[in-house]
Amino acid sequence: MKTRFSVMGVPKGEDFPSFEKQIPIALTELSLIMGWKKDEDPLHDYLLTEQHITAIEKVCLIDLPRNLIFFLTSSG
């Protein structure tokens, strides 16, 4: 099964996401953005930096909302 990736946005000071979007990105592209080296790296959740967010927006041709704390999650 193919791994799918989503970006979740959580408002500052809250515990639950108010935004979630599956992103159309290949594992190889995302591995370069995230700096992943190990096969198990894509299986974890990650807090995204501003650099990660900008790179994902550029590769996926999307605009993410602002003023949220973003996390990368995987499924599949």
C-alpha atoms as a PDB file:
ATOM      1  CA  MET A   1       0.000   0.000   0.000  1.00  0.00           C
ATOM      2  CA  LYS A   2       1.207   3.507  -0.827  1.00  0.00           C
ATOM      3  CA  THR A   3       1.942   5.887   2.047  1.00  0.00           C
ATOM      4  CA  ARG A   4      -0.195   9.025   2.049  1.00  0.00           C
ATOM      5  CA  PHE A   5       0.790  12.215   3.804  1.00  0.00           C
ATOM      6  CA  SER A   6      -1.348  14.896   5.406  1.00  0.00           C
ATOM      7  CA  VAL A   7      -0.637  18.262   6.930  1.00  0.00           C
ATOM      8  CA  MET A   8      -2.578  19.122  10.081  1.00  0.00           C
ATOM      9  CA  GLY A   9      -2.820  22.638  11.485  1.00  0.00           C
ATOM     10  CA  VAL A  10      -3.416  23.263  15.168  1.00  0.00           C
ATOM     11  CA  PRO A  11      -4.209  26.737  16.538  1.00  0.00           C
ATOM     12  CA  LYS A  12      -1.618  27.945  19.055  1.00  0.00           C
ATOM     13  CA  GLY A  13      -2.622  26.958  22.593  1.00  0.00           C
ATOM     14  CA  GLU A  14      -5.063  24.248  21.462  1.00  0.00           C
ATOM     15  CA  ASP A  15      -4.784  20.456  21.341  1.00  0.00           C
ATOM     16  CA  PHE A  16      -6.842  19.554  18.277  1.00  0.00           C
ATOM     17  CA  PRO A  17      -6.362  20.390  14.601  1.00  0.00           C
ATOM     18  CA  SER A  18      -8.674  22.861  12.919  1.00  0.00           C
ATOM     19  CA  PHE A  19      -7.214  22.088   9.485  1.00  0.00           C
ATOM     20  CA  GLU A  20      -6.210  18.878   7.711  1.00  0.00           C
ATOM     21  CA  LYS A  21      -5.215  18.350   4.086  1.00  0.00           C
ATOM     22  CA  GLN A  22      -3.825  15.343   2.279  1.00  0.00           C
ATOM     23  CA  ILE A  23      -0.867  16.487   0.198  1.00  0.00           C
ATOM     24  CA  PRO A  24      -0.005  15.173  -3.280  1.00  0.00           C
ATOM     25  CA  ILE A  25       3.705  14.470  -2.851  1.00  0.00           C
ATOM     26  CA  ALA A  26       5.977  11.540  -3.618  1.00  0.00           C
ATOM     27  CA  LEU A  27       7.921   9.928  -0.794  1.00  0.00           C
ATOM     28  CA  THR A  28      11.216  10.746  -2.533  1.00  0.00           C
ATOM     29  CA  GLU A  29      10.375  14.474  -2.726  1.00  0.00           C
ATOM     30  CA  LEU A  30       9.153  14.609   0.861  1.00  0.00           C
ATOM     31  CA  SER A  31      12.249  12.725   2.069  1.00  0.00           C
ATOM     32  CA  LEU A  32      14.448  15.454   0.586  1.00  0.00           C
ATOM     33  CA  ILE A  33      12.393  18.230   2.220  1.00  0.00           C
ATOM     34  CA  MET A  34      12.318  16.510   5.607  1.00  0.00           C
ATOM     35  CA  GLY A  35      15.899  15.201   5.555  1.00  0.00           C
ATOM     36  CA  TRP A  36      14.818  11.609   6.088  1.00  0.00           C
ATOM     37  CA  LYS A  37      17.513   8.926   5.906  1.00  0.00           C
ATOM     38  CA  LYS A  38      15.913   5.773   7.381  1.00  0.00           C
ATOM     39  CA  ASP A  39      13.069   3.655   5.979  1.00  0.00           C
ATOM     40  CA  GLU A  40      11.032   4.150   9.151  1.00  0.00           C
ATOM     41  CA  ASP A  41      11.338   7.974   9.165  1.00  0.00           C
ATOM     42  CA  PRO A  42       8.093   8.523   7.166  1.00  0.00           C
ATOM     43  CA  LEU A  43       6.114   6.530   9.754  1.00  0.00           C
ATOM     44  CA  HIS A  44       6.388   9.219  12.448  1.00  0.00           C
ATOM     45  CA  ASP A  45       4.567  12.523  12.932  1.00  0.00           C
ATOM     46  CA  TYR A  46       6.614  15.696  12.584  1.00  0.00           C
ATOM     47  CA  LEU A  47       6.328  19.307  13.653  1.00  0.00           C
ATOM     48  CA  LEU A  48       6.903  21.327  10.485  1.00  0.00           C
ATOM     49  CA  THR A  49       9.231  24.318  10.368  1.00  0.00           C
ATOM     50  CA  GLU A  50       8.541  27.382   8.226  1.00  0.00           C
ATOM     51  CA  GLN A  51      11.111  26.008   5.739  1.00  0.00           C
ATOM     52  CA  HIS A  52       9.282  22.670   5.560  1.00  0.00           C
ATOM     53  CA  ILE A  53       5.946  24.430   5.020  1.00  0.00           C
ATOM     54  CA  THR A  54       7.307  26.677   2.260  1.00  0.00           C
ATOM     55  CA  ALA A  55       8.915  23.736   0.451  1.00  0.00           C
ATOM     56  CA  ILE A  56       5.761  21.585   0.688  1.00  0.00           C
ATOM     57  CA  GLU A  57       3.601  24.455  -0.608  1.00  0.00           C
ATOM     58  CA  LYS A  58       5.956  24.932  -3.556  1.00  0.00           C
ATOM     59  CA  VAL A  59       6.205  21.239  -4.512  1.00  0.00           C
ATOM     60  CA  CYS A  60       2.478  20.539  -4.014  1.00  0.00           C
ATOM     61  CA  LEU A  61       1.302  23.843  -5.546  1.00  0.00           C
ATOM     62  CA  ILE A  62      -0.846  24.628  -2.514  1.00  0.00           C
ATOM     63  CA  ASP A  63      -1.267  27.488  -0.062  1.00  0.00           C
ATOM     64  CA  LEU A  64      -1.686  26.514   3.569  1.00  0.00           C
ATOM     65  CA  PRO A  65      -3.500  28.736   6.064  1.00  0.00           C
ATOM     66  CA  ARG A  66      -1.389  30.958   8.270  1.00  0.00           C
ATOM     67  CA  ASN A  67      -1.255  31.307  12.061  1.00  0.00           C
ATOM     68  CA  LEU A  68      -1.370  27.555  12.711  1.00  0.00           C
ATOM     69  CA  ILE A  69       1.205  25.110  14.047  1.00  0.00           C
ATOM     70  CA  PHE A  70       1.618  22.435  11.356  1.00  0.00           C
ATOM     71  CA  PHE A  71       2.343  18.741  11.719  1.00  0.00           C
ATOM     72  CA  LEU A  72       3.024  16.127   9.052  1.00  0.00           C
ATOM     73  CA  THR A  73       1.284  12.785   9.475  1.00  0.00           C
ATOM     74  CA  SER A  74       1.272   9.617   7.386  1.00  0.00           C
ATOM     75  CA  SER A  75      -1.147   6.777   6.709  1.00  0.00           C
ATOM     76  CA  GLY A  76      -1.187   3.711   4.589  1.00  0.00           C
END
